[in-house]
Amino acid sequence: MSGASPRIAPLTPPYPPEIQAQFDRIMRGAPPLVLFRVMAGHGRAWDKFRAGGLLDPGPLSLRDREIVIDRTCALNRCEYEWGVHVAIFAGPAKLTQDEVRATVQGDAASTCWSPAEQALIAAVDALHHRATFTDEEFAALSAHYDEAQILEIMLLCGYYRTVSYLANGLRLPLEENAERFPA
């Protein structure tokens, strides 16, 4: 972790038993992220935050889910959450270095993306910039994704915009083992 302090102090160990059990479930043996430690200090916010999580197996592939999350965080200039996701999920999602870089520096026309992934990136960009799709964007997305997947895409974009607000607004220090935005 970098030396900066978040604007709201995170919990420090030892954690209350219920919080420790929640961290253990979420982190699977790794130390809890600063974001989780800040949120867990405020019961209502922590409960709402955990209830909104979308990391369970859903209608999208791991790869598509991570493209949506990484692109959303990159558009929101949230290096904290982008870096955590890239460090943990880029390998299992089979994202190449070029694809990871394109989530930050590319766009829907980047040649590293398949046609379905280009529609996915265009959808994330549309939601970020306009909070809606044009009929053409929705048709392009619908050519590759079903209704449940499209809803999941929209939910992921909204949830990770919120996560970006939290990480950026709290000025969270970057996690030690997280990736950094490409230069």
N, C-alpha and C. Protein backbone atom coordinates (compact mmCIF):
# COMPACT_ATOMS: atom_id res chain seq x y z
N MET A 1 0.83 -1.18 0.00
CA MET A 1 0.00 0.00 0.00
C MET A 1 0.88 1.24 0.00
N SER A 2 0.43 2.28 -0.67
CA SER A 2 1.18 3.54 -0.65
C SER A 2 1.00 4.21 0.71
N GLY A 3 1.76 5.26 0.98
CA GLY A 3 1.76 5.90 2.29
C GLY A 3 0.60 6.82 2.57
N ALA A 4 -0.22 7.14 1.58
CA ALA A 4 -1.33 8.07 1.77
C ALA A 4 -2.39 7.45 2.69
N SER A 5 -3.08 8.32 3.41
CA SER A 5 -4.16 7.85 4.29
C SER A 5 -5.50 8.14 3.65
N PRO A 6 -6.44 7.21 3.78
CA PRO A 6 -7.79 7.49 3.27
C PRO A 6 -8.45 8.58 4.10
N ARG A 7 -9.42 9.24 3.53
CA ARG A 7 -10.11 10.34 4.20
C ARG A 7 -10.96 9.88 5.36
N ILE A 8 -11.39 8.63 5.36
CA ILE A 8 -12.10 8.02 6.49
C ILE A 8 -11.24 6.84 6.93
N ALA A 9 -10.92 6.81 8.20
CA ALA A 9 -9.99 5.79 8.71
C ALA A 9 -10.57 4.38 8.58
N PRO A 10 -9.77 3.44 8.10
CA PRO A 10 -10.21 2.05 8.04
C PRO A 10 -10.14 1.40 9.41
N LEU A 11 -10.91 0.34 9.58
CA LEU A 11 -10.79 -0.47 10.79
C LEU A 11 -9.39 -1.05 10.87
N THR A 12 -8.92 -1.24 12.08
CA THR A 12 -7.63 -1.89 12.28
C THR A 12 -7.86 -3.15 13.10
N PRO A 13 -7.01 -4.16 12.92
CA PRO A 13 -7.16 -5.40 13.68
C PRO A 13 -6.91 -5.15 15.16
N PRO A 14 -7.45 -5.95 16.03
CA PRO A 14 -8.34 -7.07 15.73
C PRO A 14 -9.74 -6.57 15.37
N TYR A 15 -10.37 -7.25 14.41
CA TYR A 15 -11.70 -6.87 13.95
C TYR A 15 -12.74 -7.58 14.81
N PRO A 16 -13.91 -6.98 14.96
CA PRO A 16 -14.99 -7.70 15.65
C PRO A 16 -15.22 -9.05 14.96
N PRO A 17 -15.57 -10.09 15.73
CA PRO A 17 -15.70 -11.44 15.16
C PRO A 17 -16.59 -11.52 13.91
N GLU A 18 -17.73 -10.82 13.91
CA GLU A 18 -18.63 -10.86 12.75
C GLU A 18 -17.96 -10.24 11.52
N ILE A 19 -17.26 -9.14 11.71
CA ILE A 19 -16.55 -8.48 10.60
C ILE A 19 -15.40 -9.37 10.13
N GLN A 20 -14.65 -9.97 11.06
CA GLN A 20 -13.57 -10.87 10.68
C GLN A 20 -14.10 -12.03 9.84
N ALA A 21 -15.23 -12.58 10.23
CA ALA A 21 -15.83 -13.69 9.49
C ALA A 21 -16.23 -13.23 8.08
N GLN A 22 -16.75 -12.02 7.96
CA GLN A 22 -17.11 -11.49 6.64
C GLN A 22 -15.86 -11.28 5.79
N PHE A 23 -14.82 -10.70 6.37
CA PHE A 23 -13.55 -10.52 5.64
C PHE A 23 -13.01 -11.87 5.18
N ASP A 24 -13.06 -12.87 6.07
CA ASP A 24 -12.54 -14.20 5.72
C ASP A 24 -13.29 -14.78 4.53
N ARG A 25 -14.62 -14.61 4.51
CA ARG A 25 -15.43 -15.11 3.40
C ARG A 25 -15.08 -14.39 2.10
N ILE A 26 -14.97 -13.08 2.16
CA ILE A 26 -14.73 -12.27 0.96
C ILE A 26 -13.31 -12.44 0.44
N MET A 27 -12.35 -12.41 1.36
CA MET A 27 -10.93 -12.34 0.97
C MET A 27 -10.25 -13.71 0.86
N ARG A 28 -10.91 -14.76 1.33
CA ARG A 28 -10.39 -16.13 1.22
C ARG A 28 -8.94 -16.23 1.72
N GLY A 29 -8.68 -15.68 2.90
CA GLY A 29 -7.36 -15.80 3.51
C GLY A 29 -6.43 -14.62 3.29
N ALA A 30 -6.70 -13.78 2.31
CA ALA A 30 -5.86 -12.60 2.07
C ALA A 30 -6.28 -11.50 3.04
N PRO A 31 -5.38 -10.56 3.34
CA PRO A 31 -5.77 -9.44 4.21
C PRO A 31 -6.88 -8.61 3.55
N PRO A 32 -7.80 -8.05 4.33
CA PRO A 32 -8.89 -7.28 3.74
C PRO A 32 -8.39 -6.00 3.07
N LEU A 33 -9.01 -5.68 1.95
CA LEU A 33 -8.68 -4.45 1.23
C LEU A 33 -9.02 -3.23 2.08
N VAL A 34 -8.31 -2.15 1.85
CA VAL A 34 -8.58 -0.89 2.57
C VAL A 34 -10.04 -0.48 2.35
N LEU A 35 -10.53 -0.59 1.12
CA LEU A 35 -11.93 -0.23 0.85
C LEU A 35 -12.87 -0.99 1.78
N PHE A 36 -12.66 -2.28 1.94
CA PHE A 36 -13.53 -3.08 2.80
C PHE A 36 -13.39 -2.65 4.25
N ARG A 37 -12.18 -2.33 4.68
CA ARG A 37 -11.94 -1.93 6.06
C ARG A 37 -12.59 -0.57 6.37
N VAL A 38 -12.61 0.33 5.40
CA VAL A 38 -13.28 1.63 5.60
C VAL A 38 -14.79 1.40 5.69
N MET A 39 -15.33 0.66 4.72
CA MET A 39 -16.78 0.45 4.68
C MET A 39 -17.28 -0.31 5.91
N ALA A 40 -16.50 -1.30 6.37
CA ALA A 40 -16.93 -2.14 7.49
C ALA A 40 -17.02 -1.36 8.80
N GLY A 41 -16.41 -0.21 8.86
CA GLY A 41 -16.51 0.63 10.06
C GLY A 41 -17.83 1.35 10.18
N HIS A 42 -18.68 1.20 9.18
CA HIS A 42 -19.97 1.91 9.15
C HIS A 42 -21.03 0.89 8.72
N GLY A 43 -21.73 0.34 9.71
CA GLY A 43 -22.61 -0.81 9.52
C GLY A 43 -23.57 -0.72 8.36
N ARG A 44 -24.34 0.34 8.28
CA ARG A 44 -25.33 0.46 7.20
C ARG A 44 -24.64 0.49 5.84
N ALA A 45 -23.59 1.31 5.71
CA ALA A 45 -22.88 1.41 4.43
C ALA A 45 -22.27 0.06 4.05
N TRP A 46 -21.68 -0.64 5.01
CA TRP A 46 -21.06 -1.95 4.76
C TRP A 46 -22.11 -2.97 4.32
N ASP A 47 -23.25 -3.00 5.00
CA ASP A 47 -24.31 -3.94 4.62
C ASP A 47 -24.81 -3.67 3.21
N LYS A 48 -25.04 -2.41 2.88
CA LYS A 48 -25.52 -2.05 1.54
C LYS A 48 -24.46 -2.36 0.49
N PHE A 49 -23.22 -2.06 0.80
CA PHE A 49 -22.12 -2.32 -0.12
C PHE A 49 -22.02 -3.82 -0.42
N ARG A 50 -22.04 -4.64 0.61
CA ARG A 50 -21.93 -6.09 0.41
C ARG A 50 -23.14 -6.64 -0.33
N ALA A 51 -24.31 -6.08 -0.09
CA ALA A 51 -25.52 -6.56 -0.76
C ALA A 51 -25.48 -6.30 -2.26
N GLY A 52 -24.74 -5.29 -2.69
CA GLY A 52 -24.68 -4.94 -4.11
C GLY A 52 -23.64 -5.70 -4.89
N GLY A 53 -22.85 -6.52 -4.25
CA GLY A 53 -21.74 -7.21 -4.92
C GLY A 53 -22.21 -8.09 -6.06
N LEU A 54 -21.42 -8.11 -7.13
CA LEU A 54 -21.78 -8.86 -8.33
C LEU A 54 -20.65 -9.79 -8.77
N LEU A 55 -19.88 -10.30 -7.81
CA LEU A 55 -18.76 -11.16 -8.17
C LEU A 55 -19.14 -12.65 -8.15
N ASP A 56 -20.40 -12.94 -7.88
CA ASP A 56 -20.85 -14.33 -7.93
C ASP A 56 -20.99 -14.76 -9.40
N PRO A 57 -21.02 -16.06 -9.64
CA PRO A 57 -21.23 -16.50 -11.03
C PRO A 57 -22.59 -16.01 -11.52
N GLY A 58 -22.58 -15.20 -12.53
CA GLY A 58 -23.80 -14.64 -13.09
C GLY A 58 -23.92 -15.03 -14.55
N PRO A 59 -24.74 -14.30 -15.29
CA PRO A 59 -24.97 -14.66 -16.69
C PRO A 59 -23.83 -14.32 -17.65
N LEU A 60 -22.85 -13.54 -17.19
CA LEU A 60 -21.71 -13.18 -18.04
C LEU A 60 -20.54 -14.12 -17.75
N SER A 61 -19.70 -14.31 -18.74
CA SER A 61 -18.46 -15.04 -18.51
C SER A 61 -17.57 -14.18 -17.61
N LEU A 62 -16.61 -14.83 -16.97
CA LEU A 62 -15.64 -14.09 -16.15
C LEU A 62 -14.94 -13.04 -17.00
N ARG A 63 -14.57 -13.39 -18.21
CA ARG A 63 -13.88 -12.47 -19.11
C ARG A 63 -14.74 -11.23 -19.39
N ASP A 64 -15.98 -11.43 -19.79
CA ASP A 64 -16.86 -10.29 -20.08
C ASP A 64 -17.08 -9.43 -18.83
N ARG A 65 -17.31 -10.10 -17.69
CA ARG A 65 -17.51 -9.35 -16.44
C ARG A 65 -16.30 -8.47 -16.15
N GLU A 66 -15.12 -9.02 -16.29
CA GLU A 66 -13.92 -8.25 -15.98
C GLU A 66 -13.65 -7.14 -16.99
N ILE A 67 -13.98 -7.35 -18.24
CA ILE A 67 -13.85 -6.26 -19.23
C ILE A 67 -14.75 -5.10 -18.81
N VAL A 68 -15.98 -5.41 -18.42
CA VAL A 68 -16.92 -4.36 -17.98
C VAL A 68 -16.38 -3.64 -16.75
N ILE A 69 -15.93 -4.38 -15.76
CA ILE A 69 -15.44 -3.77 -14.52
C ILE A 69 -14.18 -2.95 -14.78
N ASP A 70 -13.23 -3.52 -15.50
CA ASP A 70 -11.97 -2.80 -15.75
C ASP A 70 -12.22 -1.54 -16.56
N ARG A 71 -13.06 -1.63 -17.58
CA ARG A 71 -13.34 -0.44 -18.41
C ARG A 71 -14.07 0.62 -17.58
N THR A 72 -15.05 0.21 -16.79
CA THR A 72 -15.79 1.17 -15.96
C THR A 72 -14.85 1.88 -15.00
N CYS A 73 -14.00 1.12 -14.32
CA CYS A 73 -13.06 1.73 -13.38
C CYS A 73 -12.07 2.64 -14.10
N ALA A 74 -11.60 2.23 -15.27
CA ALA A 74 -10.67 3.06 -16.03
C ALA A 74 -11.32 4.37 -16.45
N LEU A 75 -12.55 4.31 -16.94
CA LEU A 75 -13.25 5.54 -17.35
C LEU A 75 -13.45 6.49 -16.17
N ASN A 76 -13.59 5.92 -14.98
CA ASN A 76 -13.76 6.74 -13.78
C ASN A 76 -12.43 7.10 -13.12
N ARG A 77 -11.33 6.77 -13.80
CA ARG A 77 -9.97 7.04 -13.30
C ARG A 77 -9.78 6.47 -11.90
N CYS A 78 -10.33 5.28 -11.69
CA CYS A 78 -10.22 4.61 -10.39
C CYS A 78 -9.13 3.55 -10.47
N GLU A 79 -7.90 4.00 -10.32
CA GLU A 79 -6.76 3.09 -10.38
C GLU A 79 -6.81 2.07 -9.25
N TYR A 80 -7.35 2.45 -8.10
CA TYR A 80 -7.44 1.54 -6.96
C TYR A 80 -8.20 0.26 -7.35
N GLU A 81 -9.45 0.38 -7.77
CA GLU A 81 -10.27 -0.80 -8.04
C GLU A 81 -9.84 -1.49 -9.34
N TRP A 82 -9.48 -0.71 -10.35
CA TRP A 82 -8.96 -1.29 -11.60
C TRP A 82 -7.77 -2.18 -11.28
N GLY A 83 -6.84 -1.67 -10.48
CA GLY A 83 -5.63 -2.41 -10.17
C GLY A 83 -5.89 -3.67 -9.38
N VAL A 84 -6.84 -3.63 -8.45
CA VAL A 84 -7.20 -4.82 -7.67
C VAL A 84 -7.78 -5.88 -8.62
N HIS A 85 -8.70 -5.46 -9.49
CA HIS A 85 -9.33 -6.42 -10.40
C HIS A 85 -8.35 -7.00 -11.40
N VAL A 86 -7.49 -6.17 -11.95
CA VAL A 86 -6.51 -6.68 -12.91
C VAL A 86 -5.58 -7.68 -12.22
N ALA A 87 -5.12 -7.35 -11.02
CA ALA A 87 -4.21 -8.24 -10.31
C ALA A 87 -4.85 -9.60 -10.00
N ILE A 88 -6.11 -9.60 -9.63
CA ILE A 88 -6.76 -10.83 -9.21
C ILE A 88 -7.39 -11.60 -10.38
N PHE A 89 -8.01 -10.89 -11.31
CA PHE A 89 -8.87 -11.55 -12.30
C PHE A 89 -8.37 -11.55 -13.74
N ALA A 90 -7.39 -10.71 -14.10
CA ALA A 90 -6.97 -10.67 -15.51
C ALA A 90 -6.46 -12.03 -15.98
N GLY A 91 -5.68 -12.70 -15.16
CA GLY A 91 -5.17 -14.02 -15.53
C GLY A 91 -6.28 -15.04 -15.71
N PRO A 92 -7.11 -15.27 -14.68
CA PRO A 92 -8.21 -16.22 -14.83
C PRO A 92 -9.18 -15.86 -15.98
N ALA A 93 -9.34 -14.56 -16.26
CA ALA A 93 -10.23 -14.12 -17.35
C ALA A 93 -9.55 -14.18 -18.71
N LYS A 94 -8.27 -14.56 -18.72
CA LYS A 94 -7.48 -14.68 -19.96
C LYS A 94 -7.41 -13.36 -20.73
N LEU A 95 -7.23 -12.27 -19.97
CA LEU A 95 -7.01 -10.96 -20.60
C LEU A 95 -5.52 -10.79 -20.84
N THR A 96 -5.16 -10.46 -22.07
CA THR A 96 -3.75 -10.23 -22.41
C THR A 96 -3.31 -8.86 -21.91
N GLN A 97 -2.00 -8.64 -21.94
CA GLN A 97 -1.49 -7.32 -21.54
C GLN A 97 -2.05 -6.23 -22.46
N ASP A 98 -2.16 -6.51 -23.75
CA ASP A 98 -2.73 -5.53 -24.68
C ASP A 98 -4.19 -5.23 -24.34
N GLU A 99 -4.95 -6.25 -23.99
CA GLU A 99 -6.35 -6.04 -23.63
C GLU A 99 -6.48 -5.26 -22.33
N VAL A 100 -5.66 -5.60 -21.35
CA VAL A 100 -5.68 -4.86 -20.08
C VAL A 100 -5.36 -3.39 -20.35
N ARG A 101 -4.32 -3.14 -21.14
CA ARG A 101 -3.95 -1.76 -21.48
C ARG A 101 -5.10 -1.05 -22.21
N ALA A 102 -5.79 -1.79 -23.11
CA ALA A 102 -6.88 -1.19 -23.88
C ALA A 102 -8.08 -0.82 -23.01
N THR A 103 -8.22 -1.44 -21.84
CA THR A 103 -9.32 -1.01 -20.96
C THR A 103 -9.10 0.41 -20.46
N VAL A 104 -7.84 0.83 -20.44
CA VAL A 104 -7.49 2.18 -19.99
C VAL A 104 -7.26 3.12 -21.17
N GLN A 105 -6.49 2.67 -22.15
CA GLN A 105 -6.03 3.56 -23.21
C GLN A 105 -6.73 3.34 -24.56
N GLY A 106 -7.54 2.32 -24.67
CA GLY A 106 -8.19 2.01 -25.93
C GLY A 106 -9.63 2.45 -25.96
N ASP A 107 -10.36 1.89 -26.92
CA ASP A 107 -11.80 2.11 -27.02
C ASP A 107 -12.42 0.92 -27.73
N ALA A 108 -13.68 1.04 -28.12
CA ALA A 108 -14.39 -0.08 -28.73
C ALA A 108 -13.78 -0.49 -30.07
N ALA A 109 -13.06 0.41 -30.70
CA ALA A 109 -12.45 0.10 -32.00
C ALA A 109 -11.09 -0.56 -31.87
N SER A 110 -10.58 -0.71 -30.66
CA SER A 110 -9.26 -1.34 -30.47
C SER A 110 -9.28 -2.73 -31.08
N THR A 111 -8.23 -3.04 -31.84
CA THR A 111 -8.19 -4.30 -32.60
C THR A 111 -8.04 -5.54 -31.74
N CYS A 112 -7.71 -5.39 -30.47
CA CYS A 112 -7.54 -6.55 -29.59
C CYS A 112 -8.87 -7.19 -29.23
N TRP A 113 -9.98 -6.48 -29.42
CA TRP A 113 -11.29 -6.98 -28.99
C TRP A 113 -12.00 -7.74 -30.11
N SER A 114 -12.72 -8.77 -29.74
CA SER A 114 -13.61 -9.48 -30.67
C SER A 114 -14.80 -8.57 -30.97
N PRO A 115 -15.61 -8.89 -32.00
CA PRO A 115 -16.80 -8.07 -32.25
C PRO A 115 -17.74 -7.98 -31.04
N ALA A 116 -17.94 -9.08 -30.32
CA ALA A 116 -18.79 -9.03 -29.13
C ALA A 116 -18.19 -8.11 -28.07
N GLU A 117 -16.88 -8.20 -27.88
CA GLU A 117 -16.21 -7.36 -26.89
C GLU A 117 -16.20 -5.90 -27.31
N GLN A 118 -16.14 -5.63 -28.61
CA GLN A 118 -16.25 -4.25 -29.08
C GLN A 118 -17.62 -3.68 -28.74
N ALA A 119 -18.67 -4.49 -28.91
CA ALA A 119 -20.02 -4.04 -28.54
C ALA A 119 -20.11 -3.82 -27.03
N LEU A 120 -19.44 -4.68 -26.27
CA LEU A 120 -19.42 -4.57 -24.81
C LEU A 120 -18.73 -3.27 -24.38
N ILE A 121 -17.57 -3.00 -24.93
CA ILE A 121 -16.84 -1.75 -24.60
C ILE A 121 -17.66 -0.53 -25.01
N ALA A 122 -18.26 -0.58 -26.18
CA ALA A 122 -19.10 0.55 -26.63
C ALA A 122 -20.27 0.78 -25.67
N ALA A 123 -20.84 -0.31 -25.15
CA ALA A 123 -21.95 -0.18 -24.20
C ALA A 123 -21.48 0.44 -22.89
N VAL A 124 -20.34 -0.01 -22.39
CA VAL A 124 -19.79 0.56 -21.15
C VAL A 124 -19.52 2.05 -21.36
N ASP A 125 -18.92 2.40 -22.48
CA ASP A 125 -18.62 3.80 -22.77
C ASP A 125 -19.90 4.63 -22.86
N ALA A 126 -20.93 4.08 -23.52
CA ALA A 126 -22.20 4.81 -23.65
C ALA A 126 -22.82 5.06 -22.28
N LEU A 127 -22.85 4.02 -21.44
CA LEU A 127 -23.42 4.20 -20.11
C LEU A 127 -22.63 5.21 -19.30
N HIS A 128 -21.32 5.16 -19.42
CA HIS A 128 -20.48 6.11 -18.67
C HIS A 128 -20.73 7.55 -19.12
N HIS A 129 -20.75 7.76 -20.41
CA HIS A 129 -20.82 9.13 -20.94
C HIS A 129 -22.24 9.69 -21.02
N ARG A 130 -23.25 8.80 -21.24
CA ARG A 130 -24.61 9.31 -21.45
C ARG A 130 -25.67 8.65 -20.58
N ALA A 131 -25.29 7.63 -19.82
CA ALA A 131 -26.22 6.88 -18.97
C ALA A 131 -27.36 6.24 -19.76
N THR A 132 -27.11 5.96 -21.03
CA THR A 132 -28.10 5.28 -21.86
C THR A 132 -27.42 4.75 -23.10
N PHE A 133 -28.20 4.03 -23.91
CA PHE A 133 -27.72 3.52 -25.20
C PHE A 133 -28.53 4.17 -26.31
N THR A 134 -27.91 4.36 -27.45
CA THR A 134 -28.70 4.67 -28.64
C THR A 134 -29.34 3.36 -29.09
N ASP A 135 -30.31 3.44 -29.99
CA ASP A 135 -30.92 2.22 -30.52
C ASP A 135 -29.87 1.35 -31.21
N GLU A 136 -28.93 1.98 -31.89
CA GLU A 136 -27.88 1.24 -32.59
C GLU A 136 -26.95 0.53 -31.60
N GLU A 137 -26.59 1.21 -30.53
CA GLU A 137 -25.73 0.59 -29.51
C GLU A 137 -26.43 -0.59 -28.85
N PHE A 138 -27.72 -0.43 -28.55
CA PHE A 138 -28.46 -1.52 -27.92
C PHE A 138 -28.60 -2.70 -28.88
N ALA A 139 -28.83 -2.41 -30.14
CA ALA A 139 -28.93 -3.49 -31.14
C ALA A 139 -27.60 -4.23 -31.27
N ALA A 140 -26.50 -3.48 -31.28
CA ALA A 140 -25.17 -4.12 -31.37
C ALA A 140 -24.91 -5.00 -30.15
N LEU A 141 -25.28 -4.53 -28.99
CA LEU A 141 -25.10 -5.31 -27.76
C LEU A 141 -26.01 -6.55 -27.80
N SER A 142 -27.23 -6.36 -28.23
CA SER A 142 -28.21 -7.46 -28.29
C SER A 142 -27.84 -8.53 -29.30
N ALA A 143 -27.01 -8.19 -30.26
CA ALA A 143 -26.56 -9.18 -31.23
C ALA A 143 -25.63 -10.22 -30.59
N HIS A 144 -25.06 -9.89 -29.44
CA HIS A 144 -24.09 -10.77 -28.79
C HIS A 144 -24.50 -11.22 -27.39
N TYR A 145 -25.40 -10.49 -26.75
CA TYR A 145 -25.75 -10.75 -25.35
C TYR A 145 -27.27 -10.82 -25.20
N ASP A 146 -27.74 -11.72 -24.33
CA ASP A 146 -29.18 -11.84 -24.09
C ASP A 146 -29.63 -10.82 -23.04
N GLU A 147 -30.91 -10.81 -22.75
CA GLU A 147 -31.46 -9.80 -21.84
C GLU A 147 -30.84 -9.88 -20.44
N ALA A 148 -30.68 -11.09 -19.90
CA ALA A 148 -30.09 -11.24 -18.57
C ALA A 148 -28.65 -10.71 -18.56
N GLN A 149 -27.92 -10.97 -19.62
CA GLN A 149 -26.54 -10.48 -19.71
C GLN A 149 -26.51 -8.97 -19.83
N ILE A 150 -27.41 -8.39 -20.59
CA ILE A 150 -27.44 -6.93 -20.74
C ILE A 150 -27.77 -6.26 -19.41
N LEU A 151 -28.72 -6.83 -18.67
CA LEU A 151 -29.02 -6.28 -17.34
C LEU A 151 -27.80 -6.37 -16.44
N GLU A 152 -27.09 -7.50 -16.49
CA GLU A 152 -25.88 -7.66 -15.67
C GLU A 152 -24.82 -6.63 -16.05
N ILE A 153 -24.66 -6.38 -17.34
CA ILE A 153 -23.71 -5.36 -17.81
C ILE A 153 -24.06 -4.00 -17.20
N MET A 154 -25.33 -3.65 -17.26
CA MET A 154 -25.76 -2.35 -16.72
C MET A 154 -25.56 -2.28 -15.21
N LEU A 155 -25.89 -3.37 -14.51
CA LEU A 155 -25.69 -3.41 -13.06
C LEU A 155 -24.21 -3.30 -12.70
N LEU A 156 -23.37 -4.01 -13.42
CA LEU A 156 -21.92 -3.93 -13.16
C LEU A 156 -21.41 -2.51 -13.36
N CYS A 157 -21.82 -1.88 -14.45
CA CYS A 157 -21.38 -0.50 -14.71
C CYS A 157 -21.79 0.43 -13.57
N GLY A 158 -23.02 0.33 -13.12
CA GLY A 158 -23.49 1.18 -12.05
C GLY A 158 -22.80 0.89 -10.73
N TYR A 159 -22.65 -0.40 -10.41
CA TYR A 159 -22.01 -0.77 -9.14
C TYR A 159 -20.55 -0.32 -9.12
N TYR A 160 -19.83 -0.53 -10.20
CA TYR A 160 -18.41 -0.17 -10.19
C TYR A 160 -18.19 1.32 -10.40
N ARG A 161 -19.18 2.04 -10.86
CA ARG A 161 -19.10 3.50 -10.82
C ARG A 161 -19.19 3.94 -9.35
N THR A 162 -20.10 3.30 -8.61
CA THR A 162 -20.22 3.59 -7.18
C THR A 162 -18.92 3.23 -6.46
N VAL A 163 -18.36 2.06 -6.74
CA VAL A 163 -17.09 1.67 -6.13
C VAL A 163 -16.01 2.71 -6.48
N SER A 164 -16.01 3.18 -7.71
CA SER A 164 -15.04 4.21 -8.12
C SER A 164 -15.23 5.49 -7.33
N TYR A 165 -16.49 5.89 -7.12
CA TYR A 165 -16.76 7.08 -6.30
C TYR A 165 -16.18 6.89 -4.91
N LEU A 166 -16.40 5.71 -4.33
CA LEU A 166 -15.90 5.45 -2.98
C LEU A 166 -14.38 5.50 -2.94
N ALA A 167 -13.73 4.74 -3.81
CA ALA A 167 -12.26 4.67 -3.78
C ALA A 167 -11.63 6.02 -4.09
N ASN A 168 -12.16 6.72 -5.08
CA ASN A 168 -11.60 8.03 -5.44
C ASN A 168 -11.94 9.09 -4.40
N GLY A 169 -13.20 9.12 -3.98
CA GLY A 169 -13.64 10.13 -3.01
C GLY A 169 -12.99 9.97 -1.65
N LEU A 170 -12.71 8.73 -1.26
CA LEU A 170 -12.04 8.46 0.01
C LEU A 170 -10.53 8.60 -0.11
N ARG A 171 -10.06 8.76 -1.34
CA ARG A 171 -8.64 8.86 -1.65
C ARG A 171 -7.88 7.67 -1.06
N LEU A 172 -8.38 6.46 -1.39
CA LEU A 172 -7.76 5.25 -0.86
C LEU A 172 -6.36 5.08 -1.42
N PRO A 173 -5.42 4.70 -0.58
CA PRO A 173 -4.08 4.40 -1.08
C PRO A 173 -4.14 3.12 -1.91
N LEU A 174 -3.33 3.04 -2.94
CA LEU A 174 -3.33 1.86 -3.81
C LEU A 174 -2.85 0.64 -3.02
N GLU A 175 -3.48 -0.49 -3.27
CA GLU A 175 -3.10 -1.72 -2.61
C GLU A 175 -1.71 -2.14 -3.12
N GLU A 176 -0.90 -2.67 -2.23
CA GLU A 176 0.48 -3.03 -2.54
C GLU A 176 0.60 -3.99 -3.71
N ASN A 177 -0.26 -5.01 -3.76
CA ASN A 177 -0.16 -6.04 -4.80
C ASN A 177 -1.05 -5.78 -6.02
N ALA A 178 -1.68 -4.61 -6.08
CA ALA A 178 -2.53 -4.28 -7.21
C ALA A 178 -1.71 -3.76 -8.39
N GLU A 179 -2.27 -3.90 -9.57
CA GLU A 179 -1.63 -3.35 -10.77
C GLU A 179 -1.78 -1.83 -10.79
N ARG A 180 -0.99 -1.20 -11.61
CA ARG A 180 -1.05 0.27 -11.79
C ARG A 180 -1.47 0.55 -13.22
N PHE A 181 -2.12 1.69 -13.42
CA PHE A 181 -2.48 2.09 -14.78
C PHE A 181 -1.25 2.08 -15.68
N PRO A 182 -1.42 1.70 -16.94
CA PRO A 182 -0.27 1.75 -17.86
C PRO A 182 0.17 3.20 -18.08
N ALA A 183 1.46 3.37 -18.29
CA ALA A 183 2.02 4.72 -18.49
C ALA A 183 1.58 5.29 -19.82
